[in-house]
Amino acid sequence: MKNVNAFIVGIGEVLWDVFPTGKKLGGAPANFAYHAAQFNKLDQFRPDSLVVSAIGYDNDGSEIIRELEAHSLPYHLDRVPYPTGTVVADISDPNNPSYDIKTRVAWSHIPLTDELREIASRTMAVCFGTLAQWGRESRNTILSFLDSCPKDCLKVCDINLRQSYYTKTTIKECLRRADILKLNEEELHIITRLLDYKMAGEETLCRRLMGSYGIDTIILTKGIHGSWILWQVGTKKWKSFQPAPEVKVADTVGAGDAFTGAFVGSLLNSLSIEQAHEVAAKVAAYVCTQKGAMPEIPEDLRTH
């Protein structure tokens, strides 16, 4: 793949997180792209972080465009005849937010266009999950996009199992395409139960997923108990642990996406997995101290 005009893509849902105090731009792909962009310091070229989704012909859609532009975040957003997505967030317990997700919305209907195929052909890293694939049209588009990326594209599945908006088939299609899989401990046990794995320790379950689906790296987040990264090359296996920094939590919305964006951005800037893991844990903790999913990350957290 040519090292010019390349993209780091977050593809899937873009929406408004609606809080009691107002609404904030959200959706895992937008959050990922925003945070990956803050680590975009490649010397030889500067790929664009790009949000790929769909919005409606409504004020919410127009406001999303204005918000992305205010964050200097490039986008490919087709407008479709469905309302722009919203999620009503309940953060009365800041450590365990809950969400009322509207699914009959624009991000369930991302169209596969010639322009999107061209973007796929120039994508060096892409992050995707299961939520947007609840819509058949978006599922077909996302899977086609992934299959159209260059062979050396880094494909990151941040699985994001939300309520009941996933299927065993969708999960398996995601796992088959993932170079990196990110999930939390609850999602690990949901997935391995669906796949009829025998009960075992978390590392054993992760290693089985890696072996069964050809996944190079698994990120397992455990909330206040820190995070593990497991990876292997050939028959050699490694793992890294980072404790969760102690911070005063404002809300945890977007912290996981910030972790993924910081980790991938750091890897693309030639940090080791252990170094990228350390950066990602610190960035996720910082996001927990801020309101909303897209705070600017301080410079000292963006350097290593």
C-alpha atoms as a PDB file:
ATOM      1  CA  MET A   1       0.000   0.000   0.000  1.00  0.00           C
ATOM      2  CA  LYS A   2       1.353   3.438  -0.887  1.00  0.00           C
ATOM      3  CA  ASN A   3       2.305   5.574   2.075  1.00  0.00           C
ATOM      4  CA  VAL A   4       0.372   8.595   0.811  1.00  0.00           C
ATOM      5  CA  ASN A   5      -3.267   9.597   1.033  1.00  0.00           C
ATOM      6  CA  ALA A   6      -3.929   6.758   3.470  1.00  0.00           C
ATOM      7  CA  PHE A   7      -6.715   6.494   6.031  1.00  0.00           C
ATOM      8  CA  ILE A   8      -7.235   5.346   9.612  1.00  0.00           C
ATOM      9  CA  VAL A   9     -10.947   4.563   9.608  1.00  0.00           C
ATOM     10  CA  GLY A  10     -13.607   4.184  12.255  1.00  0.00           C
ATOM     11  CA  ILE A  11     -16.633   2.636  10.511  1.00  0.00           C
ATOM     12  CA  GLY A  12     -20.097   2.111  11.983  1.00  0.00           C
ATOM     13  CA  GLU A  13     -22.432   4.159  14.161  1.00  0.00           C
ATOM     14  CA  VAL A  14     -22.173   7.922  14.533  1.00  0.00           C
ATOM     15  CA  LEU A  15     -24.752   9.476  16.815  1.00  0.00           C
ATOM     16  CA  TRP A  16     -25.615  11.833  19.619  1.00  0.00           C
ATOM     17  CA  ASP A  17     -25.156  10.680  23.207  1.00  0.00           C
ATOM     18  CA  VAL A  18     -28.017  12.416  25.008  1.00  0.00           C
ATOM     19  CA  PHE A  19     -27.293  13.261  28.645  1.00  0.00           C
ATOM     20  CA  PRO A  20     -29.529  14.994  31.184  1.00  0.00           C
ATOM     21  CA  THR A  21     -27.395  18.115  30.657  1.00  0.00           C
ATOM     22  CA  GLY A  22     -27.436  17.999  26.850  1.00  0.00           C
ATOM     23  CA  LYS A  23     -26.067  15.974  23.956  1.00  0.00           C
ATOM     24  CA  LYS A  24     -22.529  15.148  22.883  1.00  0.00           C
ATOM     25  CA  LEU A  25     -21.171  13.615  19.703  1.00  0.00           C
ATOM     26  CA  GLY A  26     -20.617   9.889  20.121  1.00  0.00           C
ATOM     27  CA  GLY A  27     -20.478   6.461  18.584  1.00  0.00           C
ATOM     28  CA  ALA A  28     -17.456   4.179  18.856  1.00  0.00           C
ATOM     29  CA  PRO A  29     -16.129   4.806  15.304  1.00  0.00           C
ATOM     30  CA  ALA A  30     -16.119   8.596  15.731  1.00  0.00           C
ATOM     31  CA  ASN A  31     -14.557   8.308  19.184  1.00  0.00           C
ATOM     32  CA  PHE A  32     -11.879   5.935  17.866  1.00  0.00           C
ATOM     33  CA  ALA A  33     -11.041   8.118  14.863  1.00  0.00           C
ATOM     34  CA  TYR A  34     -10.849  11.240  17.016  1.00  0.00           C
ATOM     35  CA  HIS A  35      -8.418   9.715  19.492  1.00  0.00           C
ATOM     36  CA  ALA A  36      -6.330   7.927  16.857  1.00  0.00           C
ATOM     37  CA  ALA A  37      -5.920  11.291  15.112  1.00  0.00           C
ATOM     38  CA  GLN A  38      -4.305  12.754  18.228  1.00  0.00           C
ATOM     39  CA  PHE A  39      -1.481  10.232  17.855  1.00  0.00           C
ATOM     40  CA  ASN A  40      -1.005  10.872  14.145  1.00  0.00           C
ATOM     41  CA  LYS A  41       2.678  11.803  14.136  1.00  0.00           C
ATOM     42  CA  LEU A  42       4.070   9.512  11.482  1.00  0.00           C
ATOM     43  CA  ASP A  43       7.199  11.069   9.997  1.00  0.00           C
ATOM     44  CA  GLN A  44       6.944   9.705   6.477  1.00  0.00           C
ATOM     45  CA  PHE A  45       3.273  10.527   5.883  1.00  0.00           C
ATOM     46  CA  ARG A  46       0.158  11.614   7.711  1.00  0.00           C
ATOM     47  CA  PRO A  47      -2.875   9.396   7.120  1.00  0.00           C
ATOM     48  CA  ASP A  48      -6.240  10.998   7.741  1.00  0.00           C
ATOM     49  CA  SER A  49      -8.379   9.666  10.559  1.00  0.00           C
ATOM     50  CA  LEU A  50     -11.769   9.249   8.953  1.00  0.00           C
ATOM     51  CA  VAL A  51     -15.262   8.637  10.349  1.00  0.00           C
ATOM     52  CA  VAL A  52     -17.416   6.474   8.054  1.00  0.00           C
ATOM     53  CA  SER A  53     -21.147   6.285   8.782  1.00  0.00           C
ATOM     54  CA  ALA A  54     -24.533   7.655   7.704  1.00  0.00           C
ATOM     55  CA  ILE A  55     -26.706  10.506   8.961  1.00  0.00           C
ATOM     56  CA  GLY A  56     -30.232  11.678   8.266  1.00  0.00           C
ATOM     57  CA  TYR A  57     -31.604  14.679   6.410  1.00  0.00           C
ATOM     58  CA  ASP A  58     -32.255  16.406   9.715  1.00  0.00           C
ATOM     59  CA  ASN A  59     -30.834  18.978  12.091  1.00  0.00           C
ATOM     60  CA  ASP A  60     -29.127  16.287  14.157  1.00  0.00           C
ATOM     61  CA  GLY A  61     -27.242  15.171  11.042  1.00  0.00           C
ATOM     62  CA  SER A  62     -26.198  18.701  10.149  1.00  0.00           C
ATOM     63  CA  GLU A  63     -25.038  19.271  13.712  1.00  0.00           C
ATOM     64  CA  ILE A  64     -22.890  16.121  13.567  1.00  0.00           C
ATOM     65  CA  ILE A  65     -21.122  17.516  10.510  1.00  0.00           C
ATOM     66  CA  ARG A  66     -20.519  20.826  12.280  1.00  0.00           C
ATOM     67  CA  GLU A  67     -19.225  19.021  15.366  1.00  0.00           C
ATOM     68  CA  LEU A  68     -16.818  16.837  13.376  1.00  0.00           C
ATOM     69  CA  GLU A  69     -15.519  19.892  11.570  1.00  0.00           C
ATOM     70  CA  ALA A  70     -15.087  21.686  14.897  1.00  0.00           C
ATOM     71  CA  HIS A  71     -12.914  18.740  15.980  1.00  0.00           C
ATOM     72  CA  SER A  72     -11.020  18.896  12.636  1.00  0.00           C
ATOM     73  CA  LEU A  73     -12.049  15.296  12.038  1.00  0.00           C
ATOM     74  CA  PRO A  74     -12.561  14.231   8.390  1.00  0.00           C
ATOM     75  CA  TYR A  75     -15.641  12.192   7.565  1.00  0.00           C
ATOM     76  CA  HIS A  76     -17.446  10.184   4.916  1.00  0.00           C
ATOM     77  CA  LEU A  77     -21.113  10.467   5.907  1.00  0.00           C
ATOM     78  CA  ASP A  78     -23.803   9.550   3.427  1.00  0.00           C
ATOM     79  CA  ARG A  79     -27.186  11.132   4.075  1.00  0.00           C
ATOM     80  CA  VAL A  80     -30.010   8.599   4.031  1.00  0.00           C
ATOM     81  CA  PRO A  81     -33.813   8.813   4.582  1.00  0.00           C
ATOM     82  CA  TYR A  82     -33.687   7.772   8.240  1.00  0.00           C
ATOM     83  CA  PRO A  83     -33.273   9.847  11.408  1.00  0.00           C
ATOM     84  CA  THR A  84     -29.777  10.498  12.683  1.00  0.00           C
ATOM     85  CA  GLY A  85     -28.865   8.158  15.517  1.00  0.00           C
ATOM     86  CA  THR A  86     -29.307   8.981  19.184  1.00  0.00           C
ATOM     87  CA  VAL A  87     -28.502   7.153  22.417  1.00  0.00           C
ATOM     88  CA  VAL A  88     -29.993   8.270  25.715  1.00  0.00           C
ATOM     89  CA  ALA A  89     -27.279   7.802  28.332  1.00  0.00           C
ATOM     90  CA  ASP A  90     -28.013   7.269  32.021  1.00  0.00           C
ATOM     91  CA  ILE A  91     -24.881   8.158  34.004  1.00  0.00           C
ATOM     92  CA  SER A  92     -26.444   8.272  37.467  1.00  0.00           C
ATOM     93  CA  ASP A  93     -23.807   5.626  38.288  1.00  0.00           C
ATOM     94  CA  PRO A  94     -20.699   7.091  36.584  1.00  0.00           C
ATOM     95  CA  ASN A  95     -18.861   3.770  36.789  1.00  0.00           C
ATOM     96  CA  ASN A  96     -21.662   1.830  35.096  1.00  0.00           C
ATOM     97  CA  PRO A  97     -23.530   3.960  32.525  1.00  0.00           C
ATOM     98  CA  SER A  98     -26.547   2.492  30.718  1.00  0.00           C
ATOM     99  CA  TYR A  99     -27.858   3.326  27.257  1.00  0.00           C
ATOM    100  CA  ASP A 100     -31.173   3.418  25.410  1.00  0.00           C
ATOM    101  CA  ILE A 101     -30.069   2.818  21.828  1.00  0.00           C
ATOM    102  CA  LYS A 102     -32.254   3.761  18.858  1.00  0.00           C
ATOM    103  CA  THR A 103     -31.529   1.352  15.973  1.00  0.00           C
ATOM    104  CA  ARG A 104     -34.031   2.288  13.237  1.00  0.00           C
ATOM    105  CA  VAL A 105     -31.756   5.146  12.318  1.00  0.00           C
ATOM    106  CA  ALA A 106     -29.265   6.288   9.687  1.00  0.00           C
ATOM    107  CA  TRP A 107     -26.227   4.358  10.919  1.00  0.00           C
ATOM    108  CA  SER A 108     -28.112   1.094  10.296  1.00  0.00           C
ATOM    109  CA  HIS A 109     -28.205   2.007   6.585  1.00  0.00           C
ATOM    110  CA  ILE A 110     -24.640   2.890   5.552  1.00  0.00           C
ATOM    111  CA  PRO A 111     -24.568   2.462   1.742  1.00  0.00           C
ATOM    112  CA  LEU A 112     -21.711   0.778  -0.088  1.00  0.00           C
ATOM    113  CA  THR A 113     -20.613   3.324  -2.695  1.00  0.00           C
ATOM    114  CA  ASP A 114     -17.761   3.533  -5.183  1.00  0.00           C
ATOM    115  CA  GLU A 115     -16.237   6.291  -3.068  1.00  0.00           C
ATOM    116  CA  LEU A 116     -16.319   4.053  -0.015  1.00  0.00           C
ATOM    117  CA  ARG A 117     -14.630   1.231  -1.925  1.00  0.00           C
ATOM    118  CA  GLU A 118     -11.898   3.680  -2.902  1.00  0.00           C
ATOM    119  CA  ILE A 119     -11.441   4.673   0.737  1.00  0.00           C
ATOM    120  CA  ALA A 120     -11.157   0.986   1.675  1.00  0.00           C
ATOM    121  CA  SER A 121      -8.408   0.478  -0.892  1.00  0.00           C
ATOM    122  CA  ARG A 122      -6.320   3.164   0.862  1.00  0.00           C
ATOM    123  CA  THR A 123      -7.025   2.208   4.480  1.00  0.00           C
ATOM    124  CA  MET A 124      -4.040   1.302   6.646  1.00  0.00           C
ATOM    125  CA  ALA A 125      -6.049   0.648   9.847  1.00  0.00           C
ATOM    126  CA  VAL A 126      -9.759   0.259  10.501  1.00  0.00           C
ATOM    127  CA  CYS A 127     -11.792  -0.150  13.678  1.00  0.00           C
ATOM    128  CA  PHE A 128     -15.228  -1.788  13.596  1.00  0.00           C
ATOM    129  CA  GLY A 129     -17.713  -3.423  15.959  1.00  0.00           C
ATOM    130  CA  THR A 130     -21.028  -5.225  16.102  1.00  0.00           C
ATOM    131  CA  LEU A 131     -23.576  -2.511  16.895  1.00  0.00           C
ATOM    132  CA  ALA A 132     -23.862  -0.926  13.438  1.00  0.00           C
ATOM    133  CA  GLN A 133     -24.093  -4.413  11.962  1.00  0.00           C
ATOM    134  CA  TRP A 134     -27.486  -4.839  13.606  1.00  0.00           C
ATOM    135  CA  GLY A 135     -28.741  -3.208  10.409  1.00  0.00           C
ATOM    136  CA  ARG A 136     -28.460  -5.550   7.418  1.00  0.00           C
ATOM    137  CA  GLU A 137     -27.402  -2.813   5.004  1.00  0.00           C
ATOM    138  CA  SER A 138     -24.660  -1.551   7.307  1.00  0.00           C
ATOM    139  CA  ARG A 139     -23.516  -5.107   8.059  1.00  0.00           C
ATOM    140  CA  ASN A 140     -23.080  -5.854   4.354  1.00  0.00           C
ATOM    141  CA  THR A 141     -21.289  -2.535   3.828  1.00  0.00           C
ATOM    142  CA  ILE A 142     -18.911  -2.977   6.765  1.00  0.00           C
ATOM    143  CA  LEU A 143     -17.967  -6.539   5.835  1.00  0.00           C
ATOM    144  CA  SER A 144     -17.466  -5.546   2.190  1.00  0.00           C
ATOM    145  CA  PHE A 145     -15.341  -2.598   3.300  1.00  0.00           C
ATOM    146  CA  LEU A 146     -13.127  -4.861   5.416  1.00  0.00           C
ATOM    147  CA  ASP A 147     -12.743  -7.343   2.582  1.00  0.00           C
ATOM    148  CA  SER A 148     -11.734  -4.512   0.227  1.00  0.00           C
ATOM    149  CA  CYS A 149      -8.907  -3.229   2.429  1.00  0.00           C
ATOM    150  CA  PRO A 150      -5.274  -3.967   1.512  1.00  0.00           C
ATOM    151  CA  LYS A 151      -3.767  -7.180   2.856  1.00  0.00           C
ATOM    152  CA  ASP A 152      -1.514  -5.244   5.242  1.00  0.00           C
ATOM    153  CA  CYS A 153      -4.369  -3.175   6.679  1.00  0.00           C
ATOM    154  CA  LEU A 154      -4.614  -3.475  10.475  1.00  0.00           C
ATOM    155  CA  LYS A 155      -8.173  -4.599  11.248  1.00  0.00           C
ATOM    156  CA  VAL A 156      -9.273  -3.856  14.794  1.00  0.00           C
ATOM    157  CA  CYS A 157     -12.522  -5.292  16.130  1.00  0.00           C
ATOM    158  CA  ASP A 158     -13.704  -3.432  19.225  1.00  0.00           C
ATOM    159  CA  ILE A 159     -16.559  -5.864  19.702  1.00  0.00           C
ATOM    160  CA  ASN A 160     -18.870  -3.568  21.756  1.00  0.00           C
ATOM    161  CA  LEU A 161     -21.726  -5.963  22.539  1.00  0.00           C
ATOM    162  CA  ARG A 162     -24.604  -3.642  23.363  1.00  0.00           C
ATOM    163  CA  GLN A 163     -27.738  -5.065  25.005  1.00  0.00           C
ATOM    164  CA  SER A 164     -29.142  -7.639  22.545  1.00  0.00           C
ATOM    165  CA  TYR A 165     -27.940  -5.952  19.343  1.00  0.00           C
ATOM    166  CA  TYR A 166     -25.677  -8.732  18.095  1.00  0.00           C
ATOM    167  CA  THR A 167     -25.872 -12.268  16.756  1.00  0.00           C
ATOM    168  CA  LYS A 168     -23.582 -15.272  16.844  1.00  0.00           C
ATOM    169  CA  THR A 169     -23.168 -15.007  13.069  1.00  0.00           C
ATOM    170  CA  THR A 170     -22.129 -11.366  13.242  1.00  0.00           C
ATOM    171  CA  ILE A 171     -19.637 -12.079  16.013  1.00  0.00           C
ATOM    172  CA  LYS A 172     -18.043 -14.917  14.029  1.00  0.00           C
ATOM    173  CA  GLU A 173     -17.759 -12.769  10.884  1.00  0.00           C
ATOM    174  CA  CYS A 174     -16.029 -10.070  12.955  1.00  0.00           C
ATOM    175  CA  LEU A 175     -13.628 -12.520  14.586  1.00  0.00           C
ATOM    176  CA  ARG A 176     -12.646 -13.976  11.207  1.00  0.00           C
ATOM    177  CA  ARG A 177     -11.579 -10.531   9.991  1.00  0.00           C
ATOM    178  CA  ALA A 178      -9.853  -9.211  13.109  1.00  0.00           C
ATOM    179  CA  ASP A 179      -6.105  -8.798  13.545  1.00  0.00           C
ATOM    180  CA  ILE A 180      -6.732  -7.199  16.934  1.00  0.00           C
ATOM    181  CA  LEU A 181      -9.771  -8.004  19.079  1.00  0.00           C
ATOM    182  CA  LYS A 182     -10.713  -5.745  21.984  1.00  0.00           C
ATOM    183  CA  LEU A 183     -13.325  -6.837  24.498  1.00  0.00           C
ATOM    184  CA  ASN A 184     -14.103  -6.697  28.195  1.00  0.00           C
ATOM    185  CA  GLU A 185     -14.383  -9.658  30.537  1.00  0.00           C
ATOM    186  CA  GLU A 186     -18.183  -9.811  30.277  1.00  0.00           C
ATOM    187  CA  GLU A 187     -17.993  -9.826  26.482  1.00  0.00           C
ATOM    188  CA  LEU A 188     -15.337 -12.543  26.571  1.00  0.00           C
ATOM    189  CA  HIS A 189     -17.663 -14.847  28.495  1.00  0.00           C
ATOM    190  CA  ILE A 190     -20.684 -14.012  26.303  1.00  0.00           C
ATOM    191  CA  ILE A 191     -18.728 -14.804  23.153  1.00  0.00           C
ATOM    192  CA  THR A 192     -17.146 -18.000  24.411  1.00  0.00           C
ATOM    193  CA  ARG A 193     -20.535 -19.261  25.676  1.00  0.00           C
ATOM    194  CA  LEU A 194     -22.080 -18.556  22.266  1.00  0.00           C
ATOM    195  CA  LEU A 195     -19.221 -20.463  20.645  1.00  0.00           C
ATOM    196  CA  ASP A 196     -19.712 -23.387  23.065  1.00  0.00           C
ATOM    197  CA  TYR A 197     -16.213 -23.155  24.545  1.00  0.00           C
ATOM    198  CA  LYS A 198     -15.658 -25.143  27.723  1.00  0.00           C
ATOM    199  CA  MET A 199     -15.239 -23.133  30.914  1.00  0.00           C
ATOM    200  CA  ALA A 200     -11.645 -22.050  31.480  1.00  0.00           C
ATOM    201  CA  GLY A 201      -9.552 -19.144  32.674  1.00  0.00           C
ATOM    202  CA  GLU A 202      -9.651 -15.859  30.779  1.00  0.00           C
ATOM    203  CA  GLU A 203      -6.211 -16.223  29.245  1.00  0.00           C
ATOM    204  CA  THR A 204      -7.020 -19.745  28.058  1.00  0.00           C
ATOM    205  CA  LEU A 205     -10.286 -18.541  26.477  1.00  0.00           C
ATOM    206  CA  CYS A 206      -8.490 -15.660  24.758  1.00  0.00           C
ATOM    207  CA  ARG A 207      -5.807 -17.965  23.398  1.00  0.00           C
ATOM    208  CA  ARG A 208      -8.487 -20.304  22.054  1.00  0.00           C
ATOM    209  CA  LEU A 209     -10.139 -17.433  20.206  1.00  0.00           C
ATOM    210  CA  MET A 210      -6.789 -16.429  18.761  1.00  0.00           C
ATOM    211  CA  GLY A 211      -6.097 -19.952  17.567  1.00  0.00           C
ATOM    212  CA  SER A 212      -9.578 -20.565  16.180  1.00  0.00           C
ATOM    213  CA  TYR A 213      -9.886 -17.301  14.249  1.00  0.00           C
ATOM    214  CA  GLY A 214      -6.315 -16.326  13.435  1.00  0.00           C
ATOM    215  CA  ILE A 215      -6.369 -13.263  15.707  1.00  0.00           C
ATOM    216  CA  ASP A 216      -2.897 -11.855  16.374  1.00  0.00           C
ATOM    217  CA  THR A 217      -3.667  -9.779  19.475  1.00  0.00           C
ATOM    218  CA  ILE A 218      -6.420  -9.625  22.089  1.00  0.00           C
ATOM    219  CA  ILE A 219      -7.002  -6.671  24.401  1.00  0.00           C
ATOM    220  CA  LEU A 220      -8.972  -7.668  27.495  1.00  0.00           C
ATOM    221  CA  THR A 221     -10.155  -4.752  29.620  1.00  0.00           C
ATOM    222  CA  LYS A 222     -11.216  -5.302  33.226  1.00  0.00           C
ATOM    223  CA  GLY A 223     -12.368  -1.887  34.419  1.00  0.00           C
ATOM    224  CA  ILE A 224     -10.792  -0.826  37.696  1.00  0.00           C
ATOM    225  CA  HIS A 225      -8.810  -4.082  37.655  1.00  0.00           C
ATOM    226  CA  GLY A 226      -6.719  -2.970  34.694  1.00  0.00           C
ATOM    227  CA  SER A 227      -6.205  -4.517  31.284  1.00  0.00           C
ATOM    228  CA  TRP A 228      -4.324  -7.348  29.628  1.00  0.00           C
ATOM    229  CA  ILE A 229      -2.962  -7.609  26.112  1.00  0.00           C
ATOM    230  CA  LEU A 230      -2.157 -11.065  24.755  1.00  0.00           C
ATOM    231  CA  TRP A 231      -0.319 -11.599  21.491  1.00  0.00           C
ATOM    232  CA  GLN A 232       1.661 -14.194  19.679  1.00  0.00           C
ATOM    233  CA  VAL A 233       3.952 -14.582  16.690  1.00  0.00           C
ATOM    234  CA  GLY A 234       4.192 -18.132  15.425  1.00  0.00           C
ATOM    235  CA  THR A 235       4.505 -20.350  18.486  1.00  0.00           C
ATOM    236  CA  LYS A 236       5.794 -17.573  20.764  1.00  0.00           C
ATOM    237  CA  LYS A 237       3.271 -16.053  23.167  1.00  0.00           C
ATOM    238  CA  TRP A 238       3.470 -12.845  25.173  1.00  0.00           C
ATOM    239  CA  LYS A 239       1.255 -10.804  27.467  1.00  0.00           C
ATOM    240  CA  SER A 240       1.232  -7.339  29.007  1.00  0.00           C
ATOM    241  CA  PHE A 241      -0.657  -5.992  32.026  1.00  0.00           C
ATOM    242  CA  GLN A 242      -1.444  -2.397  32.905  1.00  0.00           C
ATOM    243  CA  PRO A 243      -3.212  -1.390  36.122  1.00  0.00           C
ATOM    244  CA  ALA A 244      -6.042   1.122  35.861  1.00  0.00           C
ATOM    245  CA  PRO A 245      -4.740   4.503  37.039  1.00  0.00           C
ATOM    246  CA  GLU A 246      -6.680   5.867  40.017  1.00  0.00           C
ATOM    247  CA  VAL A 247      -8.611   8.958  38.919  1.00  0.00           C
ATOM    248  CA  LYS A 248     -11.694  10.911  39.908  1.00  0.00           C
ATOM    249  CA  VAL A 249     -14.347   9.697  37.468  1.00  0.00           C
ATOM    250  CA  ALA A 250     -16.591  12.240  35.755  1.00  0.00           C
ATOM    251  CA  ASP A 251     -18.055   9.610  33.432  1.00  0.00           C
ATOM    252  CA  THR A 252     -16.702   6.586  31.577  1.00  0.00           C
ATOM    253  CA  VAL A 253     -18.406   7.305  28.226  1.00  0.00           C
ATOM    254  CA  GLY A 254     -15.918   6.809  25.400  1.00  0.00           C
ATOM    255  CA  ALA A 255     -13.047   5.661  27.609  1.00  0.00           C
ATOM    256  CA  GLY A 256     -12.826   2.281  25.886  1.00  0.00           C
ATOM    257  CA  ASP A 257     -12.814   3.914  22.451  1.00  0.00           C
ATOM    258  CA  ALA A 258     -10.075   6.280  23.623  1.00  0.00           C
ATOM    259  CA  PHE A 259      -8.053   3.239  24.734  1.00  0.00           C
ATOM    260  CA  THR A 260      -8.428   1.656  21.295  1.00  0.00           C
ATOM    261  CA  GLY A 261      -7.603   4.858  19.408  1.00  0.00           C
ATOM    262  CA  ALA A 262      -4.554   5.601  21.545  1.00  0.00           C
ATOM    263  CA  PHE A 263      -3.321   2.005  21.285  1.00  0.00           C
ATOM    264  CA  VAL A 264      -3.663   1.803  17.499  1.00  0.00           C
ATOM    265  CA  GLY A 265      -2.257   5.293  16.972  1.00  0.00           C
ATOM    266  CA  SER A 266       0.735   4.428  19.144  1.00  0.00           C
ATOM    267  CA  LEU A 267       1.347   1.158  17.291  1.00  0.00           C
ATOM    268  CA  LEU A 268       1.302   2.977  13.959  1.00  0.00           C
ATOM    269  CA  ASN A 269       3.913   5.326  15.353  1.00  0.00           C
ATOM    270  CA  SER A 270       6.222   2.342  15.961  1.00  0.00           C
ATOM    271  CA  LEU A 271       5.742   1.953  19.711  1.00  0.00           C
ATOM    272  CA  SER A 272       5.958  -1.578  21.022  1.00  0.00           C
ATOM    273  CA  ILE A 273       2.799  -3.304  22.214  1.00  0.00           C
ATOM    274  CA  GLU A 274       3.885  -2.794  25.828  1.00  0.00           C
ATOM    275  CA  GLN A 275       4.547   0.928  25.256  1.00  0.00           C
ATOM    276  CA  ALA A 276       1.274   1.387  23.345  1.00  0.00           C
ATOM    277  CA  HIS A 277      -0.545  -0.431  26.160  1.00  0.00           C
ATOM    278  CA  GLU A 278       0.846   1.968  28.760  1.00  0.00           C
ATOM    279  CA  VAL A 279      -0.186   4.999  26.699  1.00  0.00           C
ATOM    280  CA  ALA A 280      -3.682   3.609  26.059  1.00  0.00           C
ATOM    281  CA  ALA A 281      -4.329   2.912  29.753  1.00  0.00           C
ATOM    282  CA  LYS A 282      -3.329   6.447  30.728  1.00  0.00           C
ATOM    283  CA  VAL A 283      -5.419   8.034  27.955  1.00  0.00           C
ATOM    284  CA  ALA A 284      -8.512   6.002  28.873  1.00  0.00           C
ATOM    285  CA  ALA A 285      -8.128   7.028  32.506  1.00  0.00           C
ATOM    286  CA  TYR A 286      -7.838  10.687  31.520  1.00  0.00           C
ATOM    287  CA  VAL A 287     -11.014  10.483  29.436  1.00  0.00           C
ATOM    288  CA  CYS A 288     -12.819   9.155  32.531  1.00  0.00           C
ATOM    289  CA  THR A 289     -11.983  12.424  34.302  1.00  0.00           C
ATOM    290  CA  GLN A 290     -13.715  14.473  31.591  1.00  0.00           C
ATOM    291  CA  LYS A 291     -17.323  14.909  30.510  1.00  0.00           C
ATOM    292  CA  GLY A 292     -18.101  13.292  27.164  1.00  0.00           C
ATOM    293  CA  ALA A 293     -16.122  11.032  24.864  1.00  0.00           C
ATOM    294  CA  MET A 294     -13.931  13.498  22.949  1.00  0.00           C
ATOM    295  CA  PRO A 295     -11.805  15.660  25.226  1.00  0.00           C
ATOM    296  CA  GLU A 296      -8.498  16.902  23.886  1.00  0.00           C
ATOM    297  CA  ILE A 297      -5.701  14.689  25.219  1.00  0.00           C
ATOM    298  CA  PRO A 298      -2.888  16.595  26.977  1.00  0.00           C
ATOM    299  CA  GLU A 299       0.441  16.645  25.156  1.00  0.00           C
ATOM    300  CA  ASP A 300       2.264  14.764  27.903  1.00  0.00           C
ATOM    301  CA  LEU A 301      -0.053  11.776  27.359  1.00  0.00           C
ATOM    302  CA  ARG A 302       0.538  11.821  23.606  1.00  0.00           C
ATOM    303  CA  THR A 303       4.281  11.432  23.836  1.00  0.00           C
ATOM    304  CA  HIS A 304       6.375   8.547  25.052  1.00  0.00           C
END
